[in-house]
Protein backbone atom coordinates (compact mmCIF):
# COMPACT_ATOMS: atom_id res chain seq x y z
CA MET A 1 -0.05 0.06 -0.13
CA ALA A 2 1.15 3.52 -1.17
CA GLU A 3 2.20 5.78 2.01
CA LEU A 4 -0.46 8.51 2.25
CA ASP A 5 0.51 11.99 2.51
CA LEU A 6 -0.56 12.45 6.25
CA ARG A 7 0.34 15.49 8.11
CA ILE A 8 0.62 15.32 11.51
CA ARG A 9 0.86 18.49 13.76
CA ARG A 10 -0.02 19.62 17.13
CA GLY A 11 -3.64 20.22 17.81
CA VAL A 12 -4.65 23.92 18.43
CA PRO A 13 -8.06 24.96 20.26
CA ALA A 14 -9.54 26.11 17.06
CA ASP A 15 -9.68 22.32 16.16
CA ALA A 16 -11.93 21.29 19.08
CA GLN A 17 -15.28 21.38 16.77
CA ARG A 18 -13.84 19.30 14.10
CA LEU A 19 -12.30 16.70 16.28
CA THR A 20 -15.23 16.38 18.37
CA GLU A 21 -16.82 15.72 14.76
CA ILE A 22 -14.22 12.77 14.08
CA ALA A 23 -14.78 11.39 17.45
CA ARG A 24 -18.66 11.22 17.16
CA VAL A 25 -19.04 9.78 13.92
CA ALA A 26 -16.04 7.40 14.49
CA LYS A 27 -17.76 6.02 17.65
CA ALA A 28 -21.24 5.66 15.82
CA HIS A 29 -19.57 3.98 13.03
CA TRP A 30 -19.55 0.77 15.11
CA GLY A 31 -23.29 0.70 15.60
CA TYR A 32 -23.73 1.60 18.92
CA PRO A 33 -27.18 2.40 20.35
CA GLU A 34 -28.11 5.99 20.23
CA ALA A 35 -28.75 5.93 23.88
CA TRP A 36 -25.41 4.76 24.69
CA LEU A 37 -23.89 7.47 22.22
CA SER A 38 -25.69 10.13 24.03
CA VAL A 39 -24.41 9.01 27.37
CA TRP A 40 -20.80 9.00 25.75
CA GLU A 41 -21.23 12.29 24.19
CA PRO A 42 -19.30 14.43 26.99
CA LEU A 43 -16.44 11.91 26.59
CA LEU A 44 -16.28 12.12 22.70
CA THR A 45 -16.45 16.41 22.97
CA ILE A 46 -13.00 17.86 22.86
CA THR A 47 -12.71 20.97 24.27
CA PRO A 48 -10.55 23.86 23.27
CA GLU A 49 -9.34 23.96 27.11
CA TYR A 50 -8.41 20.17 26.30
CA LEU A 51 -6.35 20.96 23.50
CA ARG A 52 -4.34 23.79 25.48
CA GLN A 53 -3.82 21.31 28.39
CA GLN A 54 -3.14 17.94 26.46
CA LEU A 55 -0.77 16.60 24.02
CA VAL A 56 -3.32 16.37 20.91
CA TYR A 57 -1.97 15.53 17.62
CA VAL A 58 -4.20 15.81 14.59
CA GLY A 59 -3.59 13.99 11.05
CA ALA A 60 -4.46 15.69 8.01
CA ILE A 61 -4.59 14.98 4.14
CA ASP A 62 -4.69 17.95 2.20
CA ARG A 63 -5.43 20.31 5.04
CA ALA A 64 -8.50 18.21 5.95
CA MET A 65 -8.38 16.85 9.47
CA VAL A 66 -9.01 12.84 9.43
CA GLY A 67 -7.88 11.66 12.68
CA PHE A 68 -6.17 12.55 15.91
CA TYR A 69 -5.08 10.91 19.24
CA ALA A 70 -4.14 12.68 22.65
CA LEU A 71 -1.21 11.56 25.11
CA GLU A 72 -1.68 12.02 28.68
CA PRO A 73 0.92 11.39 31.36
CA ARG A 74 -0.06 9.31 34.28
CA GLU A 75 2.22 8.82 37.01
CA ASP A 76 5.02 6.89 35.72
CA THR A 77 3.15 5.70 32.25
CA TRP A 78 1.28 7.28 29.33
CA SER A 79 -2.47 6.87 28.31
CA LEU A 80 -3.28 6.91 24.71
CA GLU A 81 -6.78 9.02 24.51
CA HIS A 82 -9.08 9.79 21.91
CA PHE A 83 -7.50 7.66 19.11
CA TRP A 84 -10.06 8.32 16.37
CA VAL A 85 -9.84 7.93 12.50
CA GLU A 86 -12.95 9.17 10.52
CA PRO A 87 -14.53 6.12 9.08
CA GLY A 88 -13.87 6.74 5.58
CA TRP A 89 -10.03 6.60 5.96
CA HIS A 90 -10.29 3.37 8.04
CA GLY A 91 -7.79 0.54 6.68
CA ARG A 92 -6.10 3.32 4.35
CA GLY A 93 -3.04 3.69 6.77
CA VAL A 94 -4.22 6.88 8.91
CA GLY A 95 -4.52 4.86 12.08
CA ARG A 96 -1.14 3.16 11.52
CA GLN A 97 0.57 6.80 10.95
CA LEU A 98 -0.78 8.18 13.83
CA TYR A 99 0.08 5.09 16.01
CA GLY A 100 3.48 5.34 14.90
CA HIS A 101 3.65 9.12 15.69
CA ALA A 102 2.22 8.51 19.22
CA LEU A 103 5.00 5.79 19.74
CA ASP A 104 7.71 8.17 18.73
CA ARG A 105 6.22 11.14 20.80
CA VAL A 106 6.44 8.91 24.00
CA ARG A 107 9.98 7.86 23.02
CA ALA A 108 10.78 11.58 22.53
CA ILE A 109 9.28 13.03 25.67
CA ARG A 110 9.72 10.42 28.33
CA PRO A 111 9.99 6.73 27.31
CA GLY A 112 7.74 4.41 29.16
CA VAL A 113 4.64 2.37 29.06
CA LEU A 114 1.71 3.48 26.84
CA VAL A 115 -1.63 2.10 28.45
CA ILE A 116 -4.65 1.65 26.20
CA HIS A 117 -8.10 1.44 27.18
CA ALA A 118 -9.33 0.49 23.68
CA ASP A 119 -12.97 0.17 22.20
CA PRO A 120 -13.93 -3.57 21.91
CA TYR A 121 -13.80 -2.66 18.09
CA ALA A 122 -10.52 -1.49 18.36
CA ALA A 123 -8.92 -4.35 19.82
CA GLY A 124 -7.75 -5.96 16.69
CA PHE A 125 -6.19 -3.00 15.27
CA TYR A 126 -4.09 -2.35 18.78
CA ALA A 127 -2.93 -6.03 18.38
CA ARG A 128 -2.04 -5.74 14.94
CA MET A 129 0.15 -2.73 15.77
CA GLY A 130 2.07 -4.81 18.32
CA ALA A 131 0.26 -3.91 21.71
CA ARG A 132 -0.16 -6.67 24.47
CA ARG A 133 -3.22 -7.16 25.72
CA ARG A 134 -3.20 -6.80 29.66
CA GLY A 135 -6.41 -7.23 30.82
CA THR A 136 -9.86 -5.64 30.90
CA VAL A 137 -11.75 -2.70 32.83
CA PRO A 138 -15.37 -2.49 33.52
CA ALA A 139 -17.42 -0.31 31.26
CA PRO A 140 -21.01 -0.81 31.95
CA VAL A 141 -23.65 0.86 29.77
CA GLU A 142 -27.50 0.58 30.13
CA GLY A 143 -28.43 -2.77 28.68
CA ASP A 144 -24.85 -4.38 28.96
CA PRO A 145 -23.98 -4.17 32.78
CA ASP A 146 -21.28 -6.72 32.07
CA ARG A 147 -19.52 -4.63 29.28
CA THR A 148 -15.68 -4.34 29.40
CA LEU A 149 -12.76 -2.68 27.46
CA PRO A 150 -9.70 -4.32 26.73
CA ILE A 151 -6.86 -2.94 28.19
CA PHE A 152 -3.42 -2.82 26.05
CA GLU A 153 0.07 -2.02 27.08
CA VAL A 154 3.18 -1.13 24.65
CA ASP A 155 6.75 -0.76 26.34
CA VAL A 156 8.10 2.34 24.47
CA THR A 157 11.45 2.16 26.22
CA SER A 158 13.37 0.78 23.40
CA PRO A 159 14.59 2.35 20.13
CA ALA A 160 12.11 2.30 16.99
């Protein structure tokens, strides 16, 4: 597959609305019930303040934002948050490039373990990227009190 011309840059507060749209459409793509999406709406909302406070990186093709992720420091680890790719770009290398960029950022800023609480539908992607599954965390929702999220870890202490 030819490498996409994905430009990755630091997110800015003016990106908030578009990044929120990407997060919402990407989550809805998996066919979740509207009631669940409504409950998750605050979690899928990217605010200008969040963009000012966190390490958010945006992937764009021809100046159109198509995906993004955030890295949040957690004591001696990192958390990969808001890893979203617009559904029309799934399977085309955007996620792979964003993921590689995230690992490079961890390596450059403070090498360590990257923890991912993945959406169940994204578990296969993280496994293909080499992340190791380390268990699950409860994530109950109306109608599915036993729902869990898989937890993955990546040791980003060695050179690429």
